[in-house]
N, C-alpha and C. Protein backbone atom coordinates (compact mmCIF):
# COMPACT_ATOMS: atom_id res chain seq x y z
N MET A 1 -157.66 -106.94 -17.07
CA MET A 1 -158.60 -107.46 -18.04
C MET A 1 -159.34 -108.64 -17.42
N GLN A 2 -160.62 -108.67 -17.64
CA GLN A 2 -161.45 -109.74 -17.11
C GLN A 2 -161.45 -110.93 -18.06
N PRO A 3 -161.62 -112.13 -17.52
CA PRO A 3 -161.74 -113.31 -18.40
C PRO A 3 -162.95 -113.14 -19.31
N ILE A 4 -162.91 -113.78 -20.46
CA ILE A 4 -164.04 -113.72 -21.37
C ILE A 4 -164.78 -115.05 -21.35
N THR A 5 -166.02 -115.00 -21.76
CA THR A 5 -166.81 -116.22 -21.84
C THR A 5 -166.54 -116.93 -23.17
N GLN A 6 -166.97 -118.16 -23.26
CA GLN A 6 -166.84 -118.90 -24.52
C GLN A 6 -167.64 -118.21 -25.62
N GLN A 7 -168.80 -117.65 -25.27
CA GLN A 7 -169.60 -116.94 -26.26
C GLN A 7 -168.85 -115.71 -26.77
N GLU A 8 -168.22 -114.97 -25.86
CA GLU A 8 -167.45 -113.79 -26.27
C GLU A 8 -166.27 -114.18 -27.16
N LEU A 9 -165.66 -115.32 -26.88
CA LEU A 9 -164.57 -115.80 -27.73
C LEU A 9 -165.09 -116.13 -29.14
N ALA A 10 -166.20 -116.83 -29.21
CA ALA A 10 -166.80 -117.13 -30.52
C ALA A 10 -167.16 -115.85 -31.25
N ASP A 11 -167.71 -114.87 -30.53
CA ASP A 11 -168.06 -113.58 -31.15
C ASP A 11 -166.82 -112.87 -31.71
N ALA A 12 -165.71 -112.94 -30.99
CA ALA A 12 -164.47 -112.29 -31.45
C ALA A 12 -163.99 -112.94 -32.75
N PHE A 13 -163.99 -114.28 -32.80
CA PHE A 13 -163.59 -114.96 -34.04
C PHE A 13 -164.53 -114.60 -35.18
N ASN A 14 -165.82 -114.56 -34.90
CA ASN A 14 -166.80 -114.19 -35.93
C ASN A 14 -166.55 -112.78 -36.45
N ASP A 15 -166.26 -111.86 -35.55
CA ASP A 15 -166.03 -110.47 -35.91
C ASP A 15 -164.78 -110.32 -36.78
N VAL A 16 -163.70 -110.95 -36.37
CA VAL A 16 -162.41 -110.78 -37.06
C VAL A 16 -162.35 -111.56 -38.36
N TYR A 17 -162.82 -112.80 -38.35
CA TYR A 17 -162.67 -113.67 -39.51
C TYR A 17 -163.93 -113.75 -40.38
N GLY A 18 -165.02 -113.11 -39.94
CA GLY A 18 -166.25 -113.17 -40.71
C GLY A 18 -166.91 -114.54 -40.65
N TRP A 19 -166.63 -115.29 -39.61
CA TRP A 19 -167.22 -116.62 -39.44
C TRP A 19 -168.59 -116.51 -38.82
N ASN A 20 -169.23 -117.65 -38.63
CA ASN A 20 -170.52 -117.71 -37.97
C ASN A 20 -170.50 -118.82 -36.92
N LEU A 21 -169.51 -118.76 -36.03
CA LEU A 21 -169.42 -119.75 -34.97
C LEU A 21 -170.53 -119.52 -33.95
N THR A 22 -170.98 -120.59 -33.35
CA THR A 22 -171.92 -120.49 -32.24
C THR A 22 -171.34 -121.26 -31.07
N TYR A 23 -171.75 -120.89 -29.89
CA TYR A 23 -171.31 -121.60 -28.69
C TYR A 23 -172.51 -122.25 -28.05
N GLU A 24 -172.35 -123.50 -27.72
CA GLU A 24 -173.40 -124.23 -27.02
C GLU A 24 -172.78 -124.87 -25.78
N ALA A 25 -173.29 -124.48 -24.63
CA ALA A 25 -172.76 -125.03 -23.39
C ALA A 25 -172.97 -126.54 -23.35
N VAL A 26 -171.98 -127.26 -22.84
CA VAL A 26 -172.03 -128.72 -22.76
C VAL A 26 -171.85 -129.12 -21.31
N ASP A 27 -172.66 -130.06 -20.87
CA ASP A 27 -172.54 -130.61 -19.53
C ASP A 27 -171.13 -131.19 -19.35
N ILE A 28 -170.56 -130.99 -18.17
CA ILE A 28 -169.19 -131.42 -17.89
C ILE A 28 -169.02 -132.92 -18.12
N GLN A 29 -169.93 -133.72 -17.59
CA GLN A 29 -169.81 -135.17 -17.76
C GLN A 29 -169.92 -135.59 -19.23
N ALA A 30 -170.86 -134.97 -19.94
CA ALA A 30 -171.03 -135.30 -21.36
C ALA A 30 -169.78 -134.92 -22.15
N TYR A 31 -169.23 -133.74 -21.86
CA TYR A 31 -168.01 -133.30 -22.56
C TYR A 31 -166.86 -134.26 -22.27
N THR A 32 -166.69 -134.61 -21.01
CA THR A 32 -165.60 -135.51 -20.63
C THR A 32 -165.76 -136.86 -21.33
N GLN A 33 -166.96 -137.38 -21.39
CA GLN A 33 -167.18 -138.67 -22.07
C GLN A 33 -166.87 -138.57 -23.56
N LYS A 34 -167.23 -137.45 -24.18
CA LYS A 34 -166.89 -137.26 -25.60
C LYS A 34 -165.38 -137.22 -25.80
N ARG A 35 -164.68 -136.54 -24.92
CA ARG A 35 -163.22 -136.46 -25.04
C ARG A 35 -162.58 -137.82 -24.79
N ILE A 36 -163.09 -138.59 -23.85
CA ILE A 36 -162.57 -139.94 -23.59
C ILE A 36 -162.80 -140.82 -24.81
N SER A 37 -163.98 -140.72 -25.41
CA SER A 37 -164.27 -141.51 -26.61
C SER A 37 -163.33 -141.14 -27.76
N ALA A 38 -163.03 -139.87 -27.88
CA ALA A 38 -162.19 -139.40 -28.99
C ALA A 38 -160.70 -139.58 -28.74
N LEU A 39 -160.28 -139.43 -27.47
CA LEU A 39 -158.85 -139.34 -27.17
C LEU A 39 -158.30 -140.47 -26.29
N GLY A 40 -159.18 -141.32 -25.81
CA GLY A 40 -158.75 -142.37 -24.90
C GLY A 40 -158.96 -141.95 -23.46
N PRO A 41 -158.91 -142.93 -22.54
CA PRO A 41 -159.27 -142.64 -21.16
C PRO A 41 -158.34 -141.66 -20.43
N GLU A 42 -157.05 -141.74 -20.67
CA GLU A 42 -156.15 -140.85 -19.92
C GLU A 42 -156.23 -139.41 -20.41
N PHE A 43 -155.97 -139.22 -21.70
CA PHE A 43 -155.94 -137.87 -22.23
C PHE A 43 -157.34 -137.25 -22.24
N GLY A 44 -158.36 -138.05 -22.52
CA GLY A 44 -159.72 -137.55 -22.50
C GLY A 44 -160.12 -137.05 -21.13
N ALA A 45 -159.71 -137.79 -20.08
CA ALA A 45 -160.02 -137.36 -18.71
C ALA A 45 -159.27 -136.09 -18.35
N ILE A 46 -158.05 -135.94 -18.83
CA ILE A 46 -157.27 -134.72 -18.58
C ILE A 46 -157.98 -133.52 -19.20
N ILE A 47 -158.37 -133.64 -20.46
CA ILE A 47 -159.05 -132.55 -21.15
C ILE A 47 -160.39 -132.24 -20.47
N GLY A 48 -161.10 -133.28 -20.06
CA GLY A 48 -162.35 -133.07 -19.32
C GLY A 48 -162.12 -132.35 -18.01
N GLY A 49 -161.03 -132.67 -17.34
CA GLY A 49 -160.69 -132.00 -16.09
C GLY A 49 -160.36 -130.53 -16.29
N ILE A 50 -159.69 -130.22 -17.39
CA ILE A 50 -159.40 -128.82 -17.70
C ILE A 50 -160.70 -128.07 -17.97
N TYR A 51 -161.59 -128.69 -18.72
CA TYR A 51 -162.90 -128.07 -19.00
C TYR A 51 -163.66 -127.81 -17.70
N GLU A 52 -163.64 -128.78 -16.80
CA GLU A 52 -164.34 -128.61 -15.52
C GLU A 52 -163.71 -127.49 -14.69
N ALA A 53 -162.39 -127.45 -14.65
CA ALA A 53 -161.70 -126.39 -13.89
C ALA A 53 -162.04 -125.01 -14.45
N MET A 54 -162.10 -124.91 -15.78
CA MET A 54 -162.49 -123.64 -16.39
C MET A 54 -163.92 -123.28 -16.03
N TYR A 55 -164.79 -124.27 -16.03
CA TYR A 55 -166.20 -124.05 -15.69
C TYR A 55 -166.34 -123.47 -14.28
N TRP A 56 -165.58 -124.01 -13.35
CA TRP A 56 -165.67 -123.58 -11.95
C TRP A 56 -164.82 -122.34 -11.65
N GLY A 57 -164.09 -121.84 -12.65
CA GLY A 57 -163.32 -120.62 -12.46
C GLY A 57 -161.99 -120.82 -11.76
N ASP A 58 -161.47 -122.03 -11.80
CA ASP A 58 -160.21 -122.32 -11.12
C ASP A 58 -159.02 -121.54 -11.69
N TYR A 59 -159.14 -121.08 -12.93
CA TYR A 59 -158.03 -120.34 -13.53
C TYR A 59 -158.22 -118.83 -13.41
N GLY A 60 -159.21 -118.40 -12.66
CA GLY A 60 -159.50 -116.98 -12.49
C GLY A 60 -158.59 -116.36 -11.45
N VAL A 61 -157.32 -116.27 -11.74
CA VAL A 61 -156.36 -115.72 -10.80
C VAL A 61 -156.05 -114.27 -11.13
N VAL A 62 -155.60 -113.53 -10.14
CA VAL A 62 -155.19 -112.15 -10.35
C VAL A 62 -153.88 -112.15 -11.13
N SER A 63 -153.83 -111.36 -12.17
CA SER A 63 -152.64 -111.31 -13.03
C SER A 63 -151.82 -110.06 -12.73
N ASP A 64 -150.51 -110.20 -12.81
CA ASP A 64 -149.64 -109.03 -12.71
C ASP A 64 -148.99 -108.74 -14.07
N TYR A 65 -149.72 -109.11 -15.12
CA TYR A 65 -149.26 -108.93 -16.50
C TYR A 65 -148.81 -107.50 -16.77
N GLU A 66 -149.65 -106.54 -16.40
CA GLU A 66 -149.33 -105.13 -16.70
C GLU A 66 -148.03 -104.69 -16.05
N SER A 67 -147.80 -105.08 -14.81
CA SER A 67 -146.57 -104.64 -14.13
C SER A 67 -145.34 -105.33 -14.71
N ILE A 68 -145.50 -106.52 -15.24
CA ILE A 68 -144.36 -107.24 -15.82
C ILE A 68 -144.06 -106.75 -17.23
N VAL A 69 -145.09 -106.61 -18.05
CA VAL A 69 -144.91 -106.26 -19.45
C VAL A 69 -144.90 -104.75 -19.68
N GLY A 70 -145.51 -104.01 -18.78
CA GLY A 70 -145.53 -102.56 -18.93
C GLY A 70 -146.63 -102.04 -19.83
N ARG A 71 -147.62 -102.85 -20.11
CA ARG A 71 -148.77 -102.42 -20.91
C ARG A 71 -149.97 -103.29 -20.54
N THR A 72 -151.13 -102.83 -20.93
CA THR A 72 -152.34 -103.60 -20.67
C THR A 72 -152.48 -104.72 -21.70
N HIS A 73 -153.36 -105.65 -21.38
CA HIS A 73 -153.68 -106.72 -22.34
C HIS A 73 -154.35 -106.14 -23.57
N GLN A 74 -154.15 -106.80 -24.70
CA GLN A 74 -154.94 -106.49 -25.88
C GLN A 74 -156.31 -107.13 -25.70
N THR A 75 -157.30 -106.58 -26.34
CA THR A 75 -158.57 -107.28 -26.39
C THR A 75 -158.39 -108.53 -27.25
N THR A 76 -159.29 -109.47 -27.11
CA THR A 76 -159.21 -110.69 -27.91
C THR A 76 -159.29 -110.37 -29.40
N SER A 77 -160.22 -109.48 -29.77
CA SER A 77 -160.35 -109.10 -31.18
C SER A 77 -159.09 -108.43 -31.71
N ALA A 78 -158.47 -107.56 -30.91
CA ALA A 78 -157.24 -106.90 -31.34
C ALA A 78 -156.12 -107.92 -31.51
N PHE A 79 -156.02 -108.88 -30.61
CA PHE A 79 -155.01 -109.93 -30.73
C PHE A 79 -155.23 -110.74 -32.00
N LEU A 80 -156.45 -111.14 -32.26
CA LEU A 80 -156.74 -111.91 -33.48
C LEU A 80 -156.41 -111.11 -34.73
N ARG A 81 -156.80 -109.82 -34.74
CA ARG A 81 -156.50 -108.98 -35.91
C ARG A 81 -155.00 -108.85 -36.14
N SER A 82 -154.23 -108.78 -35.06
CA SER A 82 -152.78 -108.63 -35.21
C SER A 82 -152.11 -109.89 -35.73
N HIS A 83 -152.83 -110.99 -35.75
CA HIS A 83 -152.29 -112.26 -36.23
C HIS A 83 -153.00 -112.77 -37.48
N LEU A 84 -153.71 -111.91 -38.17
CA LEU A 84 -154.42 -112.32 -39.37
C LEU A 84 -153.50 -112.89 -40.44
N SER A 85 -152.30 -112.37 -40.55
CA SER A 85 -151.40 -112.82 -41.62
C SER A 85 -150.52 -113.99 -41.19
N VAL A 86 -150.67 -114.44 -39.97
CA VAL A 86 -149.82 -115.55 -39.48
C VAL A 86 -150.38 -116.86 -39.91
C-alpha cells in the first residue's frame, strides 16, 4: 500500500463521517512556529520536526506488513468504517 496524502486523508474522513474537512498546505517554518506558540519550545519543535520529516518523505519506508500479518492493508476508508462504533 502506498502512503496517502493529507488531502486523501481528509477525503477519507469526509467520505466516512460525512464531514467537510479541507486540507491546506502549510509552510514548514510557519507550522513549526505555530506549534511552538501553542505547545512551548521543546514539544513544538518536536512536532514541527515530525511535520518536516513527513514532508520530505522520511517515513516512506518499505513495509513487510503483509508477510508479518498475512493480509494486505485496509484502505483508510475501510479502517475508518470499521471503527465507526468505537
